[in-house]
PDB file of N, CA and C in Angstrom:
ATOM      1  N   MET A   1      15.723 -96.956  21.305  1.00  0.00           N
ATOM      2  CA  MET A   1      15.141 -95.673  20.954  1.00  0.00           C
ATOM      3  C   MET A   1      15.819 -94.593  21.800  1.00  0.00           C
ATOM      4  N   ASN A   2      16.393 -93.613  21.129  1.00  0.00           N
ATOM      5  CA  ASN A   2      17.037 -92.531  21.874  1.00  0.00           C
ATOM      6  C   ASN A   2      15.998 -91.505  22.322  1.00  0.00           C
ATOM      7  N   SER A   3      16.451 -90.504  23.078  1.00  0.00           N
ATOM      8  CA  SER A   3      15.509 -89.547  23.657  1.00  0.00           C
ATOM      9  C   SER A   3      14.804 -88.701  22.592  1.00  0.00           C
ATOM     10  N   LYS A   4      15.466 -88.382  21.493  1.00  0.00           N
ATOM     11  CA  LYS A   4      14.826 -87.592  20.425  1.00  0.00           C
ATOM     12  C   LYS A   4      13.716 -88.406  19.757  1.00  0.00           C
ATOM     13  N   GLU A   5      13.976 -89.686  19.530  1.00  0.00           N
ATOM     14  CA  GLU A   5      12.955 -90.558  18.939  1.00  0.00           C
ATOM     15  C   GLU A   5      11.765 -90.720  19.885  1.00  0.00           C
ATOM     16  N   LEU A   6      12.050 -90.845  21.184  1.00  0.00           N
ATOM     17  CA  LEU A   6      10.986 -90.942  22.175  1.00  0.00           C
ATOM     18  C   LEU A   6      10.172 -89.649  22.212  1.00  0.00           C
ATOM     19  N   SER A   7      10.853 -88.525  22.085  1.00  0.00           N
ATOM     20  CA  SER A   7      10.162 -87.235  22.045  1.00  0.00           C
ATOM     21  C   SER A   7       9.195 -87.181  20.858  1.00  0.00           C
ATOM     22  N   LYS A   8       9.638 -87.636  19.701  1.00  0.00           N
ATOM     23  CA  LYS A   8       8.773 -87.665  18.514  1.00  0.00           C
ATOM     24  C   LYS A   8       7.570 -88.582  18.740  1.00  0.00           C
ATOM     25  N   LEU A   9       7.788 -89.720  19.405  1.00  0.00           N
ATOM     26  CA  LEU A   9       6.706 -90.638  19.715  1.00  0.00           C
ATOM     27  C   LEU A   9       5.681 -89.971  20.632  1.00  0.00           C
ATOM     28  N   VAL A  10       6.160 -89.260  21.642  1.00  0.00           N
ATOM     29  CA  VAL A  10       5.277 -88.564  22.586  1.00  0.00           C
ATOM     30  C   VAL A  10       4.462 -87.502  21.854  1.00  0.00           C
ATOM     31  N   ILE A  11       5.106 -86.717  21.014  1.00  0.00           N
ATOM     32  CA  ILE A  11       4.400 -85.674  20.268  1.00  0.00           C
ATOM     33  C   ILE A  11       3.342 -86.292  19.352  1.00  0.00           C
ATOM     34  N   ALA A  12       3.677 -87.387  18.695  1.00  0.00           N
ATOM     35  CA  ALA A  12       2.698 -88.070  17.829  1.00  0.00           C
ATOM     36  C   ALA A  12       1.513 -88.583  18.643  1.00  0.00           C
ATOM     37  N   ALA A  13       1.786 -89.120  19.837  1.00  0.00           N
ATOM     38  CA  ALA A  13       0.713 -89.618  20.702  1.00  0.00           C
ATOM     39  C   ALA A  13      -0.191 -88.478  21.154  1.00  0.00           C
ATOM     40  N   LEU A  14       0.388 -87.325  21.431  1.00  0.00           N
ATOM     41  CA  LEU A  14      -0.406 -86.156  21.824  1.00  0.00           C
ATOM     42  C   LEU A  14      -1.247 -85.654  20.651  1.00  0.00           C
ATOM     43  N   GLU A  15      -0.644 -85.600  19.474  1.00  0.00           N
ATOM     44  CA  GLU A  15      -1.368 -85.147  18.283  1.00  0.00           C
ATOM     45  C   GLU A  15      -2.518 -86.081  17.936  1.00  0.00           C
ATOM     46  N   GLU A  16      -2.313 -87.367  18.180  1.00  0.00           N
ATOM     47  CA  GLU A  16      -3.321 -88.388  17.902  1.00  0.00           C
ATOM     48  C   GLU A  16      -4.635 -88.111  18.640  1.00  0.00           C
ATOM     49  N   VAL A  17      -4.531 -87.534  19.838  1.00  0.00           N
ATOM     50  CA  VAL A  17      -5.711 -87.271  20.667  1.00  0.00           C
ATOM     51  C   VAL A  17      -6.004 -85.764  20.713  1.00  0.00           C
ATOM     52  N   LYS A  18      -5.465 -85.037  19.734  1.00  0.00           N
ATOM     53  CA  LYS A  18      -5.788 -83.616  19.523  1.00  0.00           C
ATOM     54  C   LYS A  18      -5.340 -82.681  20.639  1.00  0.00           C
ATOM     55  N   ALA A  19      -4.117 -82.863  21.134  1.00  0.00           N
ATOM     56  CA  ALA A  19      -3.552 -81.926  22.105  1.00  0.00           C
ATOM     57  C   ALA A  19      -3.393 -80.563  21.448  1.00  0.00           C
ATOM     58  N   LYS A  20      -3.429 -79.526  22.261  1.00  0.00           N
ATOM     59  CA  LYS A  20      -3.295 -78.150  21.780  1.00  0.00           C
ATOM     60  C   LYS A  20      -1.922 -77.605  22.175  1.00  0.00           C
ATOM     61  N   ASP A  21      -1.363 -76.740  21.337  1.00  0.00           N
ATOM     62  CA  ASP A  21      -0.151 -75.967  21.654  1.00  0.00           C
ATOM     63  C   ASP A  21       0.989 -76.825  22.201  1.00  0.00           C
ATOM     64  N   ILE A  22       1.385 -77.846  21.459  1.00  0.00           N
ATOM     65  CA  ILE A  22       2.469 -78.741  21.893  1.00  0.00           C
ATOM     66  C   ILE A  22       3.811 -78.022  21.724  1.00  0.00           C
ATOM     67  N   VAL A  23       4.607 -78.033  22.789  1.00  0.00           N
ATOM     68  CA  VAL A  23       5.928 -77.417  22.762  1.00  0.00           C
ATOM     69  C   VAL A  23       6.952 -78.423  23.285  1.00  0.00           C
ATOM     70  N   GLU A  24       8.043 -78.567  22.542  1.00  0.00           N
ATOM     71  CA  GLU A  24       9.152 -79.421  22.974  1.00  0.00           C
ATOM     72  C   GLU A  24      10.283 -78.522  23.455  1.00  0.00           C
ATOM     73  N   LEU A  25      10.734 -78.738  24.680  1.00  0.00           N
ATOM     74  CA  LEU A  25      11.846 -77.972  25.247  1.00  0.00           C
ATOM     75  C   LEU A  25      13.061 -78.875  25.401  1.00  0.00           C
ATOM     76  N   ASP A  26      14.149 -78.517  24.768  1.00  0.00           N
ATOM     77  CA  ASP A  26      15.404 -79.254  24.905  1.00  0.00           C
ATOM     78  C   ASP A  26      16.117 -78.691  26.134  1.00  0.00           C
ATOM     79  N   VAL A  27      16.158 -79.457  27.209  1.00  0.00           N
ATOM     80  CA  VAL A  27      16.734 -78.972  28.471  1.00  0.00           C
ATOM     81  C   VAL A  27      18.044 -79.689  28.819  1.00  0.00           C
ATOM     82  N   ARG A  28      18.662 -80.334  27.840  1.00  0.00           N
ATOM     83  CA  ARG A  28      19.892 -81.100  28.095  1.00  0.00           C
ATOM     84  C   ARG A  28      21.020 -80.241  28.638  1.00  0.00           C
ATOM     85  N   LYS A  29      21.087 -78.976  28.239  1.00  0.00           N
ATOM     86  CA  LYS A  29      22.167 -78.106  28.718  1.00  0.00           C
ATOM     87  C   LYS A  29      21.847 -77.470  30.066  1.00  0.00           C
ATOM     88  N   MET A  30      20.594 -77.642  30.554  1.00  0.00           N
ATOM     89  CA  MET A  30      20.172 -77.009  31.806  1.00  0.00           C
ATOM     90  C   MET A  30      20.084 -77.977  32.980  1.00  0.00           C
ATOM     91  N   THR A  31      19.896 -79.257  32.680  1.00  0.00           N
ATOM     92  CA  THR A  31      19.714 -80.225  33.759  1.00  0.00           C
ATOM     93  C   THR A  31      20.160 -81.609  33.296  1.00  0.00           C
ATOM     94  N   SER A  32      20.549 -82.416  34.249  1.00  0.00           N
ATOM     95  CA  SER A  32      20.894 -83.804  33.932  1.00  0.00           C
ATOM     96  C   SER A  32      19.728 -84.734  34.268  1.00  0.00           C
ATOM     97  N   VAL A  33      18.637 -84.171  34.750  1.00  0.00           N
ATOM     98  CA  VAL A  33      17.478 -84.959  35.170  1.00  0.00           C
ATOM     99  C   VAL A  33      16.746 -85.555  33.963  1.00  0.00           C
ATOM    100  N   THR A  34      16.648 -84.800  32.878  1.00  0.00           N
ATOM    101  CA  THR A  34      15.920 -85.237  31.689  1.00  0.00           C
ATOM    102  C   THR A  34      16.503 -84.544  30.466  1.00  0.00           C
ATOM    103  N   ASP A  35      16.172 -85.046  29.291  1.00  0.00           N
ATOM    104  CA  ASP A  35      16.653 -84.435  28.050  1.00  0.00           C
ATOM    105  C   ASP A  35      15.653 -83.447  27.459  1.00  0.00           C
ATOM    106  N   TYR A  36      14.386 -83.822  27.474  1.00  0.00           N
ATOM    107  CA  TYR A  36      13.347 -82.990  26.872  1.00  0.00           C
ATOM    108  C   TYR A  36      12.156 -82.874  27.812  1.00  0.00           C
ATOM    109  N   MET A  37      11.500 -81.733  27.745  1.00  0.00           N
ATOM    110  CA  MET A  37      10.203 -81.553  28.380  1.00  0.00           C
ATOM    111  C   MET A  37       9.236 -81.242  27.254  1.00  0.00           C
ATOM    112  N   ILE A  38       8.109 -81.916  27.303  1.00  0.00           N
ATOM    113  CA  ILE A  38       7.077 -81.653  26.314  1.00  0.00           C
ATOM    114  C   ILE A  38       5.869 -81.137  27.072  1.00  0.00           C
ATOM    115  N   VAL A  39       5.374 -79.994  26.632  1.00  0.00           N
ATOM    116  CA  VAL A  39       4.243 -79.338  27.288  1.00  0.00           C
ATOM    117  C   VAL A  39       3.109 -79.264  26.272  1.00  0.00           C
ATOM    118  N   ALA A  40       1.906 -79.628  26.730  1.00  0.00           N
ATOM    119  CA  ALA A  40       0.736 -79.573  25.851  1.00  0.00           C
ATOM    120  C   ALA A  40      -0.489 -79.203  26.674  1.00  0.00           C
ATOM    121  N   SER A  41      -1.489 -78.695  25.988  1.00  0.00           N
ATOM    122  CA  SER A  41      -2.741 -78.335  26.650  1.00  0.00           C
ATOM    123  C   SER A  41      -3.859 -79.257  26.189  1.00  0.00           C
ATOM    124  N   GLY A  42      -4.805 -79.445  27.107  1.00  0.00           N
ATOM    125  CA  GLY A  42      -6.022 -80.176  26.805  1.00  0.00           C
ATOM    126  C   GLY A  42      -7.203 -79.248  27.035  1.00  0.00           C
ATOM    127  N   THR A  43      -8.346 -79.617  26.503  1.00  0.00           N
ATOM    128  CA  THR A  43      -9.513 -78.746  26.568  1.00  0.00           C
ATOM    129  C   THR A  43     -10.371 -78.960  27.808  1.00  0.00           C
ATOM    130  N   SER A  44     -10.180 -80.069  28.506  1.00  0.00           N
ATOM    131  CA  SER A  44     -10.956 -80.383  29.707  1.00  0.00           C
ATOM    132  C   SER A  44     -10.180 -81.397  30.548  1.00  0.00           C
ATOM    133  N   ASN A  45     -10.646 -81.647  31.745  1.00  0.00           N
ATOM    134  CA  ASN A  45     -10.007 -82.637  32.611  1.00  0.00           C
ATOM    135  C   ASN A  45     -10.008 -84.021  31.950  1.00  0.00           C
ATOM    136  N   ARG A  46     -11.118 -84.381  31.317  1.00  0.00           N
ATOM    137  CA  ARG A  46     -11.200 -85.682  30.639  1.00  0.00           C
ATOM    138  C   ARG A  46     -10.229 -85.750  29.466  1.00  0.00           C
ATOM    139  N   HIS A  47     -10.106 -84.648  28.737  1.00  0.00           N
ATOM    140  CA  HIS A  47      -9.185 -84.607  27.594  1.00  0.00           C
ATOM    141  C   HIS A  47      -7.743 -84.761  28.073  1.00  0.00           C
ATOM    142  N   ILE A  48      -7.400 -84.093  29.165  1.00  0.00           N
ATOM    143  CA  ILE A  48      -6.038 -84.197  29.708  1.00  0.00           C
ATOM    144  C   ILE A  48      -5.742 -85.634  30.114  1.00  0.00           C
ATOM    145  N   LYS A  49      -6.679 -86.274  30.770  1.00  0.00           N
ATOM    146  CA  LYS A  49      -6.497 -87.673  31.169  1.00  0.00           C
ATOM    147  C   LYS A  49      -6.327 -88.559  29.942  1.00  0.00           C
ATOM    148  N   ALA A  50      -7.136 -88.337  28.902  1.00  0.00           N
ATOM    149  CA  ALA A  50      -7.027 -89.120  27.668  1.00  0.00           C
ATOM    150  C   ALA A  50      -5.674 -88.912  26.993  1.00  0.00           C
ATOM    151  N   LEU A  51      -5.190 -87.670  26.989  1.00  0.00           N
ATOM    152  CA  LEU A  51      -3.877 -87.374  26.408  1.00  0.00           C
ATOM    153  C   LEU A  51      -2.771 -88.118  27.165  1.00  0.00           C
ATOM    154  N   ALA A  52      -2.793 -88.006  28.490  1.00  0.00           N
ATOM    155  CA  ALA A  52      -1.775 -88.660  29.313  1.00  0.00           C
ATOM    156  C   ALA A  52      -1.831 -90.172  29.148  1.00  0.00           C
ATOM    157  N   ASP A  53      -3.028 -90.732  29.129  1.00  0.00           N
ATOM    158  CA  ASP A  53      -3.182 -92.184  28.961  1.00  0.00           C
ATOM    159  C   ASP A  53      -2.639 -92.636  27.612  1.00  0.00           C
ATOM    160  N   ASN A  54      -2.905 -91.865  26.560  1.00  0.00           N
ATOM    161  CA  ASN A  54      -2.429 -92.244  25.230  1.00  0.00           C
ATOM    162  C   ASN A  54      -0.903 -92.196  25.154  1.00  0.00           C
ATOM    163  N   VAL A  55      -0.302 -91.169  25.759  1.00  0.00           N
ATOM    164  CA  VAL A  55       1.168 -91.084  25.781  1.00  0.00           C
ATOM    165  C   VAL A  55       1.741 -92.286  26.532  1.00  0.00           C
ATOM    166  N   ALA A  56       1.170 -92.600  27.691  1.00  0.00           N
ATOM    167  CA  ALA A  56       1.662 -93.733  28.486  1.00  0.00           C
ATOM    168  C   ALA A  56       1.519 -95.043  27.714  1.00  0.00           C
ATOM    169  N   ASP A  57       0.380 -95.229  27.049  1.00  0.00           N
ATOM    170  CA  ASP A  57       0.155 -96.454  26.264  1.00  0.00           C
ATOM    171  C   ASP A  57       1.157 -96.580  25.127  1.00  0.00           C
ATOM    172  N   ARG A  58       1.349 -95.498  24.370  1.00  0.00           N
ATOM    173  CA  ARG A  58       2.291 -95.530  23.237  1.00  0.00           C
ATOM    174  C   ARG A  58       3.733 -95.756  23.711  1.00  0.00           C
ATOM    175  N   ALA A  59       4.081 -95.142  24.831  1.00  0.00           N
ATOM    176  CA  ALA A  59       5.430 -95.332  25.377  1.00  0.00           C
ATOM    177  C   ALA A  59       5.632 -96.795  25.788  1.00  0.00           C
ATOM    178  N   ARG A  60       4.643 -97.365  26.458  1.00  0.00           N
ATOM    179  CA  ARG A  60       4.736 -98.784  26.865  1.00  0.00           C
ATOM    180  C   ARG A  60       4.891 -99.688  25.652  1.00  0.00           C
ATOM    181  N   GLU A  61       4.101 -99.419  24.602  1.00  0.00           N
ATOM    182  CA  GLU A  61       4.178-100.211  23.373  1.00  0.00           C
ATOM    183  C   GLU A  61       5.573-100.160  22.761  1.00  0.00           C
ATOM    184  N   ALA A  62       6.275 -99.050  22.954  1.00  0.00           N
ATOM    185  CA  ALA A  62       7.627 -98.879  22.420  1.00  0.00           C
ATOM    186  C   ALA A  62       8.696 -99.357  23.412  1.00  0.00           C
ATOM    187  N   GLY A  63       8.257 -99.906  24.549  1.00  0.00           N
ATOM    188  CA  GLY A  63       9.205-100.439  25.524  1.00  0.00           C
ATOM    189  C   GLY A  63       9.675 -99.448  26.564  1.00  0.00           C
ATOM    190  N   HIS A  64       8.989 -98.313  26.698  1.00  0.00           N
ATOM    191  CA  HIS A  64       9.355 -97.285  27.685  1.00  0.00           C
ATOM    192  C   HIS A  64       8.236 -97.157  28.710  1.00  0.00           C
ATOM    193  N   ARG A  65       8.387 -97.867  29.778  1.00  0.00           N
ATOM    194  CA  ARG A  65       7.379 -97.820  30.843  1.00  0.00           C
ATOM    195  C   ARG A  65       7.537 -96.527  31.633  1.00  0.00           C
ATOM    196  N   PRO A  66       6.451 -95.781  31.832  1.00  0.00           N
ATOM    197  CA  PRO A  66       6.549 -94.545  32.624  1.00  0.00           C
ATOM    198  C   PRO A  66       7.070 -94.829  34.037  1.00  0.00           C
ATOM    199  N   MET A  67       8.021 -94.014  34.481  1.00  0.00           N
ATOM    200  CA  MET A  67       8.562 -94.155  35.836  1.00  0.00           C
ATOM    201  C   MET A  67       7.558 -93.653  36.861  1.00  0.00           C
ATOM    202  N   GLY A  68       6.707 -92.735  36.440  1.00  0.00           N
ATOM    203  CA  GLY A  68       5.707 -92.191  37.338  1.00  0.00           C
ATOM    204  C   GLY A  68       4.718 -91.331  36.591  1.00  0.00           C
ATOM    205  N   VAL A  69       3.522 -91.234  37.160  1.00  0.00           N
ATOM    206  CA  VAL A  69       2.471 -90.370  36.627  1.00  0.00           C
ATOM    207  C   VAL A  69       1.865 -89.654  37.822  1.00  0.00           C
ATOM    208  N   GLU A  70       1.828 -88.339  37.761  1.00  0.00           N
ATOM    209  CA  GLU A  70       1.279 -87.535  38.856  1.00  0.00           C
ATOM    210  C   GLU A  70       0.144 -86.658  38.342  1.00  0.00           C
ATOM    211  N   GLY A  71      -0.859 -86.452  39.173  1.00  0.00           N
ATOM    212  CA  GLY A  71      -1.918 -85.495  38.871  1.00  0.00           C
ATOM    213  C   GLY A  71      -3.138 -86.054  38.186  1.00  0.00           C
ATOM    214  N   GLU A  72      -3.218 -87.360  38.028  1.00  0.00           N
ATOM    215  CA  GLU A  72      -4.366 -87.937  37.321  1.00  0.00           C
ATOM    216  C   GLU A  72      -5.691 -87.744  38.052  1.00  0.00           C
ATOM    217  N   GLU A  73      -5.634 -87.602  39.363  1.00  0.00           N
ATOM    218  CA  GLU A  73      -6.875 -87.471  40.131  1.00  0.00           C
ATOM    219  C   GLU A  73      -7.658 -86.240  39.703  1.00  0.00           C
ATOM    220  N   GLY A  74      -7.042 -85.075  39.733  1.00  0.00           N
ATOM    221  CA  GLY A  74      -7.720 -83.837  39.357  1.00  0.00           C
ATOM    222  C   GLY A  74      -7.683 -83.574  37.873  1.00  0.00           C
ATOM    223  N   SER A  75      -6.652 -84.070  37.230  1.00  0.00           N
ATOM    224  CA  SER A  75      -6.447 -83.948  35.784  1.00  0.00           C
ATOM    225  C   SER A  75      -6.425 -82.519  35.264  1.00  0.00           C
ATOM    226  N   GLU A  76      -6.000 -81.559  36.088  1.00  0.00           N
ATOM    227  CA  GLU A  76      -5.769 -80.205  35.576  1.00  0.00           C
ATOM    228  C   GLU A  76      -4.331 -80.078  35.074  1.00  0.00           C
ATOM    229  N   TRP A  77      -3.442 -80.886  35.659  1.00  0.00           N
ATOM    230  CA  TRP A  77      -2.039 -80.930  35.252  1.00  0.00           C
ATOM    231  C   TRP A  77      -1.553 -82.341  35.520  1.00  0.00           C
ATOM    232  N   VAL A  78      -1.226 -83.060  34.462  1.00  0.00           N
ATOM    233  CA  VAL A  78      -0.699 -84.414  34.603  1.00  0.00           C
ATOM    234  C   VAL A  78       0.751 -84.401  34.143  1.00  0.00           C
ATOM    235  N   LEU A  79       1.604 -84.999  34.946  1.00  0.00           N
ATOM    236  CA  LEU A  79       3.028 -85.117  34.646  1.00  0.00           C
ATOM    237  C   LEU A  79       3.360 -86.583  34.452  1.00  0.00           C
ATOM    238  N   LEU A  80       3.937 -86.909  33.302  1.00  0.00           N
ATOM    239  CA  LEU A  80       4.410 -88.266  33.034  1.00  0.00           C
ATOM    240  C   LEU A  80       5.930 -88.223  32.986  1.00  0.00           C
ATOM    241  N   ASP A  81       6.563 -89.093  33.738  1.00  0.00           N
ATOM    242  CA  ASP A  81       8.020 -89.185  33.757  1.00  0.00           C
ATOM    243  C   ASP A  81       8.425 -90.404  32.939  1.00  0.00           C
ATOM    244  N   LEU A  82       8.993 -90.144  31.769  1.00  0.00           N
ATOM    245  CA  LEU A  82       9.497 -91.207  30.899  1.00  0.00           C
ATOM    246  C   LEU A  82      11.014 -91.258  30.935  1.00  0.00           C
ATOM    247  N   ASN A  83      11.593 -90.798  32.029  1.00  0.00           N
ATOM    248  CA  ASN A  83      13.029 -90.748  32.279  1.00  0.00           C
ATOM    249  C   ASN A  83      13.711 -89.689  31.411  1.00  0.00           C
ATOM    250  N   ASP A  84      13.895 -89.939  30.134  1.00  0.00           N
ATOM    251  CA  ASP A  84      14.550 -88.960  29.253  1.00  0.00           C
ATOM    252  C   ASP A  84      13.597 -87.852  28.819  1.00  0.00           C
ATOM    253  N   ILE A  85      12.305 -88.054  29.038  1.00  0.00           N
ATOM    254  CA  ILE A  85      11.283 -87.096  28.634  1.00  0.00           C
ATOM    255  C   ILE A  85      10.332 -86.873  29.813  1.00  0.00           C
ATOM    256  N   LEU A  86      10.068 -85.611  30.133  1.00  0.00           N
ATOM    257  CA  LEU A  86       9.014 -85.265  31.080  1.00  0.00           C
ATOM    258  C   LEU A  86       7.882 -84.643  30.272  1.00  0.00           C
ATOM    259  N   VAL A  87       6.680 -85.169  30.446  1.00  0.00           N
ATOM    260  CA  VAL A  87       5.531 -84.699  29.690  1.00  0.00           C
ATOM    261  C   VAL A  87       4.571 -84.004  30.646  1.00  0.00           C
ATOM    262  N   HIS A  88       4.272 -82.745  30.355  1.00  0.00           N
ATOM    263  CA  HIS A  88       3.325 -81.946  31.139  1.00  0.00           C
ATOM    264  C   HIS A  88       2.097 -81.705  30.275  1.00  0.00           C
ATOM    265  N   VAL A  89       0.934 -82.172  30.737  1.00  0.00           N
ATOM    266  CA  VAL A  89      -0.319 -81.926  30.022  1.00  0.00           C
ATOM    267  C   VAL A  89      -1.210 -81.139  30.977  1.00  0.00           C
ATOM    268  N   MET A  90      -1.648 -79.944  30.548  1.00  0.00           N
ATOM    269  CA  MET A  90      -2.349 -79.031  31.453  1.00  0.00           C
ATOM    270  C   MET A  90      -3.553 -78.372  30.794  1.00  0.00           C
ATOM    271  N   LEU A  91      -4.452 -77.925  31.663  1.00  0.00           N
ATOM    272  CA  LEU A  91      -5.497 -77.020  31.202  1.00  0.00           C
ATOM    273  C   LEU A  91      -4.839 -75.692  30.830  1.00  0.00           C
ATOM    274  N   PRO A  92      -5.351 -74.971  29.845  1.00  0.00           N
ATOM    275  CA  PRO A  92      -4.726 -73.711  29.430  1.00  0.00           C
ATOM    276  C   PRO A  92      -4.534 -72.707  30.571  1.00  0.00           C
ATOM    277  N   ARG A  93      -5.492 -72.581  31.483  1.00  0.00           N
ATOM    278  CA  ARG A  93      -5.349 -71.608  32.578  1.00  0.00           C
ATOM    279  C   ARG A  93      -4.236 -72.015  33.543  1.00  0.00           C
ATOM    280  N   VAL A  94      -4.058 -73.300  33.754  1.00  0.00           N
ATOM    281  CA  VAL A  94      -2.971 -73.786  34.619  1.00  0.00           C
ATOM    282  C   VAL A  94      -1.634 -73.559  33.919  1.00  0.00           C
ATOM    283  N   ARG A  95      -1.598 -73.847  32.642  1.00  0.00           N
ATOM    284  CA  ARG A  95      -0.366 -73.661  31.862  1.00  0.00           C
ATOM    285  C   ARG A  95       0.055 -72.193  31.842  1.00  0.00           C
ATOM    286  N   GLU A  96      -0.918 -71.314  31.683  1.00  0.00           N
ATOM    287  CA  GLU A  96      -0.622 -69.883  31.681  1.00  0.00           C
ATOM    288  C   GLU A  96      -0.070 -69.436  33.036  1.00  0.00           C
ATOM    289  N   PHE A  97      -0.663 -69.946  34.108  1.00  0.00           N
ATOM    290  CA  PHE A  97      -0.224 -69.581  35.453  1.00  0.00           C
ATOM    291  C   PHE A  97       1.181 -70.106  35.751  1.00  0.00           C
ATOM    292  N   ILE A  98       1.444 -71.368  35.439  1.00  0.00           N
ATOM    293  CA  ILE A  98       2.742 -71.992  35.720  1.00  0.00           C
ATOM    294  C   ILE A  98       3.822 -71.440  34.785  1.00  0.00           C
ATOM    295  N   ASN A  99       3.478 -71.241  33.512  1.00  0.00           N
ATOM    296  CA  ASN A  99       4.389 -70.712  32.497  1.00  0.00           C
ATOM    297  C   ASN A  99       5.703 -71.484  32.452  1.00  0.00           C
ATOM    298  N   ILE A 100       5.589 -72.791  32.366  1.00  0.00           N
ATOM    299  CA  ILE A 100       6.753 -73.679  32.396  1.00  0.00           C
ATOM    300  C   ILE A 100       7.720 -73.421  31.243  1.00  0.00           C
ATOM    301  N   GLU A 101       7.192 -73.016  30.087  1.00  0.00           N
ATOM    302  CA  GLU A 101       8.079 -72.734  28.950  1.00  0.00           C
ATOM    303  C   GLU A 101       9.039 -71.593  29.283  1.00  0.00           C
ATOM    304  N   LYS A 102       8.536 -70.548  29.901  1.00  0.00           N
ATOM    305  CA  LYS A 102       9.396 -69.416  30.267  1.00  0.00           C
ATOM    306  C   LYS A 102      10.385 -69.829  31.357  1.00  0.00           C
ATOM    307  N   LEU A 103       9.903 -70.571  32.337  1.00  0.00           N
ATOM    308  CA  LEU A 103      10.767 -71.027  33.429  1.00  0.00           C
ATOM    309  C   LEU A 103      11.973 -71.785  32.899  1.00  0.00           C
ATOM    310  N   TRP A 104      11.761 -72.687  31.950  1.00  0.00           N
ATOM    311  CA  TRP A 104      12.852 -73.503  31.428  1.00  0.00           C
ATOM    312  C   TRP A 104      13.603 -72.842  30.282  1.00  0.00           C
ATOM    313  N   SER A 105      13.224 -71.632  29.896  1.00  0.00           N
ATOM    314  CA  SER A 105      13.987 -70.931  28.869  1.00  0.00           C
ATOM    315  C   SER A 105      14.973 -69.948  29.494  1.00  0.00           C
ATOM    316  N   LEU A 106      14.887 -69.746  30.804  1.00  0.00           N
ATOM    317  CA  LEU A 106      15.828 -68.853  31.482  1.00  0.00           C
ATOM    318  C   LEU A 106      17.184 -69.522  31.595  1.00  0.00           C
ATOM    319  N   SER A 107      18.206 -68.756  31.338  1.00  0.00           N
ATOM    320  CA  SER A 107      19.554 -69.311  31.467  1.00  0.00           C
ATOM    321  C   SER A 107      20.244 -68.634  32.648  1.00  0.00           C
ATOM    322  N   PRO A 108      21.139 -69.343  33.331  1.00  0.00           N
ATOM    323  CA  PRO A 108      21.805 -68.747  34.480  1.00  0.00           C
ATOM    324  C   PRO A 108      22.644 -67.528  34.112  1.00  0.00           C
ATOM    325  N   ASN A 109      22.985 -67.378  32.857  1.00  0.00           N
ATOM    326  CA  ASN A 109      23.825 -66.246  32.425  1.00  0.00           C
ATOM    327  C   ASN A 109      23.014 -65.136  31.775  1.00  0.00           C
ATOM    328  N   SER A 110      21.681 -65.218  31.859  1.00  0.00           N
ATOM    329  CA  SER A 110      20.867 -64.199  31.203  1.00  0.00           C
ATOM    330  C   SER A 110      20.935 -62.876  31.955  1.00  0.00           C
ATOM    331  N   ASP A 111      20.574 -61.794  31.266  1.00  0.00           N
ATOM    332  CA  ASP A 111      20.616 -60.459  31.869  1.00  0.00           C
ATOM    333  C   ASP A 111      19.594 -60.306  32.977  1.00  0.00           C
ATOM    334  N   SER A 112      18.568 -61.169  33.004  1.00  0.00           N
ATOM    335  CA  SER A 112      17.520 -61.023  34.033  1.00  0.00           C
ATOM    336  C   SER A 112      17.950 -61.558  35.393  1.00  0.00           C
ATOM    337  N   VAL A 113      19.094 -62.224  35.443  1.00  0.00           N
ATOM    338  CA  VAL A 113      19.600 -62.751  36.717  1.00  0.00           C
ATOM    339  C   VAL A 113      20.407 -61.658  37.407  1.00  0.00           C
ATOM    340  N   ALA A 114      20.149 -61.466  38.685  1.00  0.00           N
ATOM    341  CA  ALA A 114      20.865 -60.419  39.443  1.00  0.00           C
ATOM    342  C   ALA A 114      22.350 -60.755  39.479  1.00  0.00           C
ATOM    343  N   LYS A 115      23.142 -59.759  39.277  1.00  0.00           N
ATOM    344  CA  LYS A 115      24.595 -59.932  39.301  1.00  0.00           C
ATOM    345  C   LYS A 115      25.127 -59.430  40.629  1.00  0.00           C
ATOM    346  N   ASP A 116      26.179 -60.091  41.111  1.00  0.00           N
ATOM    347  CA  ASP A 116      26.807 -59.654  42.373  1.00  0.00           C
ATOM    348  C   ASP A 116      27.412 -58.260  42.206  1.00  0.00           C
ATOM    349  N   ALA A 117      27.208 -57.405  43.198  1.00  0.00           N
ATOM    350  CA  ALA A 117      27.721 -56.037  43.110  1.00  0.00           C
ATOM    351  C   ALA A 117      29.095 -55.919  43.676  1.00  0.00           C
TER     352      ALA A 117
END
C-alpha cells in the first residue's frame, strides 16, 4: 500500500467515526519526514480518542502499525505517526489555535517570508 492509498484508508477511518472538517495536506515537497498530513476535528475528548483508535485499528488491519501515538491522555490533540502519514485529530478550539493547515501551506519562497536586504 503506497502513501496515497494509506491516506485514503485514514480518511475513510475518520469518516467512519464522524470526524469533522477532514483536510489532507500533501507535504512531500516541503519535508522528507512524511508524505501527507491529515487533520480532523472531533466534538469532544472521547470523540477524539475514538477517532484516533479507529485510525490506528484500521491501519493495523492493513499492515501499517503506528510508529507512535501522542496525546491520548488529554485527548484534546492526538497525533498518530503512520510513517508516510501523520494524523492530527483535535478539538476545534485547539485546531483553530494551532492552525496547522496554514503552517504547512507556507512555502519558503512565499511573499510573506522576509527577504534579505
